[in-house]
Protein backbone atom coordinates (compact mmCIF):
# COMPACT_ATOMS: atom_id res chain seq x y z
CA UNK A 1 13.38 -20.70 6.28
CA UNK A 2 17.43 -21.51 5.79
CA UNK A 3 17.95 -24.77 4.35
CA UNK A 4 21.41 -26.07 5.96
CA UNK A 5 24.14 -26.57 3.12
CA UNK A 6 27.11 -26.57 5.84
CA UNK A 7 27.23 -29.24 8.54
CA UNK A 8 28.81 -28.29 11.94
CA UNK A 9 32.01 -29.52 11.01
CA UNK A 10 32.60 -28.08 8.19
CA UNK A 11 32.01 -24.46 9.67
CA UNK A 12 34.29 -25.25 12.32
CA UNK A 13 37.10 -26.52 10.12
CA UNK A 14 36.66 -22.68 7.77
CA UNK A 15 36.32 -21.01 11.52
CA UNK A 16 39.97 -23.00 12.44
CA UNK A 17 41.53 -20.54 9.85
CA UNK A 18 40.82 -17.33 11.62
CA UNK A 19 43.83 -16.35 13.77
CA UNK A 20 43.71 -14.10 17.01
CA UNK A 21 44.55 -10.60 15.95
CA UNK A 22 46.53 -10.31 18.88
CA UNK A 23 48.61 -13.16 18.50
CA UNK A 24 48.59 -14.52 15.24
CA UNK A 25 50.00 -17.82 15.67
CA UNK A 26 46.93 -19.34 16.92
CA UNK A 27 43.34 -19.34 16.03
CA UNK A 28 40.30 -18.58 17.76
CA UNK A 29 39.57 -22.49 18.10
CA UNK A 30 42.51 -23.25 19.52
CA UNK A 31 42.43 -20.31 22.00
CA UNK A 32 38.83 -21.56 23.10
CA UNK A 33 36.98 -18.17 21.84
CA UNK A 34 34.88 -20.45 19.62
CA UNK A 35 32.09 -21.47 21.81
CA UNK A 36 29.83 -23.05 19.97
CA UNK A 37 27.67 -22.96 16.23
CA UNK A 38 24.07 -23.16 15.81
CA UNK A 39 22.48 -24.01 12.85
CA UNK A 40 18.59 -23.04 12.92
CA UNK A 41 15.92 -21.80 10.41
CA UNK A 42 16.92 -18.54 10.39
CA UNK A 43 20.63 -19.11 9.41
CA UNK A 44 24.06 -19.79 11.21
CA UNK A 45 24.85 -18.70 14.97
CA UNK A 46 28.26 -18.37 15.83
CA UNK A 47 28.87 -17.92 19.93
CA UNK A 48 32.02 -16.74 21.11
CA UNK A 49 33.50 -15.50 24.33
CA UNK A 50 36.45 -13.28 24.78
CA UNK A 51 39.38 -13.88 26.54
CA UNK A 52 38.97 -11.37 29.04
CA UNK A 53 35.77 -8.50 29.13
CA UNK A 54 37.66 -5.76 27.67
CA UNK A 55 39.32 -7.26 24.62
CA UNK A 56 39.50 -4.61 22.02
CA UNK A 57 39.55 -7.50 19.07
CA UNK A 58 36.40 -9.03 19.59
CA UNK A 59 34.81 -6.62 17.01
CA UNK A 60 37.59 -7.35 14.39
CA UNK A 61 37.01 -11.47 15.12
CA UNK A 62 33.37 -10.88 14.76
CA UNK A 63 34.06 -9.07 11.61
CA UNK A 64 36.77 -11.83 10.43
CA UNK A 65 34.05 -14.45 11.39
CA UNK A 66 31.33 -12.99 8.93
CA UNK A 67 33.63 -12.18 5.93
CA UNK A 68 35.12 -15.49 6.63
CA UNK A 69 32.02 -17.53 6.62
CA UNK A 70 30.08 -15.15 3.83
CA UNK A 71 33.26 -15.90 1.35
CA UNK A 72 32.75 -19.54 1.76
CA UNK A 73 28.97 -19.29 0.84
CA UNK A 74 27.65 -19.41 4.60
CA UNK A 75 24.88 -17.26 4.61
CA UNK A 76 23.15 -15.82 6.96
CA UNK A 77 25.99 -15.37 9.62
CA UNK A 78 24.90 -13.92 13.05
CA UNK A 79 27.81 -13.94 15.92
CA UNK A 80 26.48 -13.55 19.46
CA UNK A 81 29.07 -12.43 22.35
CA UNK A 82 28.56 -13.95 25.58
CA UNK A 83 30.42 -13.04 29.19
CA UNK A 84 28.96 -16.13 30.75
CA UNK A 85 30.89 -18.70 31.52
CA UNK A 86 33.69 -16.16 31.46
CA UNK A 87 36.59 -17.81 29.56
CA UNK A 88 39.74 -19.21 31.02
CA UNK A 89 42.91 -20.75 29.89
CA UNK A 90 41.18 -24.30 30.71
CA UNK A 91 39.89 -23.60 27.08
CA UNK A 92 43.33 -23.20 25.45
CA UNK A 93 44.13 -26.12 23.14
CA UNK A 94 47.58 -27.89 23.91
CA UNK A 95 48.32 -27.12 20.44
CA UNK A 96 47.61 -23.27 21.37
CA UNK A 97 49.90 -23.50 24.24
CA UNK A 98 52.95 -25.31 22.31
CA UNK A 99 52.15 -22.37 19.45
CA UNK A 100 52.38 -19.91 22.05
CA UNK A 101 55.81 -21.19 23.44
CA UNK A 102 57.83 -21.09 19.80
CA UNK A 103 56.23 -17.87 19.43
CA UNK A 104 58.10 -16.87 22.47
CA UNK A 105 55.38 -16.38 24.76
CA UNK A 106 55.36 -18.36 27.68
CA UNK A 107 51.68 -20.29 27.94
CA UNK A 108 49.75 -20.67 31.34
CA UNK A 109 51.37 -22.72 33.86
CA UNK A 110 48.06 -24.54 35.12
CA UNK A 111 45.04 -25.46 33.54
CA UNK A 112 43.02 -23.82 36.40
CA UNK A 113 43.93 -20.89 38.48
CA UNK A 114 44.86 -20.82 42.11
CA UNK A 115 43.31 -18.01 44.28
CA UNK A 116 46.59 -15.64 44.10
CA UNK A 117 46.28 -14.94 40.16
CA UNK A 118 50.19 -12.91 41.07
CA UNK A 119 51.59 -15.92 43.70
CA UNK A 120 54.88 -16.45 42.82
CA UNK A 121 55.77 -19.19 39.68
CA UNK A 122 58.66 -20.49 38.05
CA UNK A 123 57.93 -19.21 34.33
CA UNK A 124 60.21 -21.07 31.96
CA UNK A 125 62.04 -18.89 29.55
CA UNK A 126 60.04 -20.15 26.03
CA UNK A 127 63.32 -19.23 24.20
CA UNK A 128 66.30 -21.26 26.34
CA UNK A 129 63.95 -23.08 28.66
CA UNK A 130 65.96 -21.36 31.17
CA UNK A 131 63.93 -21.18 34.72
CA UNK A 132 65.79 -18.54 35.95
CA UNK A 133 63.50 -15.76 35.39
CA UNK A 134 61.96 -12.48 36.55
CA UNK A 135 58.73 -10.66 36.29
CA UNK A 136 59.44 -6.92 35.40
CA UNK A 137 55.69 -5.90 34.78
CA UNK A 138 52.20 -7.81 36.02
CA UNK A 139 50.81 -6.84 32.64
CA UNK A 140 52.76 -6.97 29.11
CA UNK A 141 51.39 -5.97 25.76
CA UNK A 142 47.91 -6.90 26.78
CA UNK A 143 45.74 -7.26 30.07
CA UNK A 144 46.36 -10.95 29.72
CA UNK A 145 50.02 -11.40 29.85
CA UNK A 146 52.62 -10.42 32.16
CA UNK A 147 56.39 -9.19 31.21
CA UNK A 148 59.36 -11.02 32.04
CA UNK A 149 63.10 -11.15 31.77
CA UNK A 150 65.26 -14.17 31.28
CA UNK A 151 68.24 -13.65 33.38
CA UNK A 152 70.11 -16.45 31.40
CA UNK A 153 69.38 -15.38 27.93
CA UNK A 154 68.52 -11.75 28.89
CA UNK A 155 66.00 -11.79 26.59
CA UNK A 156 62.28 -10.37 27.39
CA UNK A 157 59.12 -12.46 27.15
CA UNK A 158 55.71 -12.63 27.98
CA UNK A 159 53.87 -15.05 30.20
CA UNK A 160 50.03 -15.55 29.49
CA UNK A 161 48.76 -15.42 32.67
CA UNK A 162 46.04 -18.12 33.79
CA UNK A 163 42.90 -17.13 34.25
């Protein structure tokens, strides 16, 4: 039997130090990937959801969770990956969206997606704030982002797609 010495709030604070490996300016809590912390007789279970089902960063995130918690004395730790309900940009914090903008990634426009994911939307350039932008590719450096170009400042940027 494990005697819990860390509260759920303390574990959440520790885990908020783990950045998203693909977007290091936001952490897994702000992105909404961290779903729950369960403290039980057999230890600490951390429940996470990928931002999309093929996310290649999930094994790295799992390792980071275990290493970070164990370095803080939290043991034993298991990480459970859950696919349902599917992650949505609704789970991103407003702080995460602002950090994305400052980092040069346009955050999702809506808190919920429309039926037509690729409907024409006016995407604001995160650098110069112009709305004179054009989509270059539906997919950016990762499947969850699209590639845009600003016609005002001429800079390319990514848009974090609503899903």
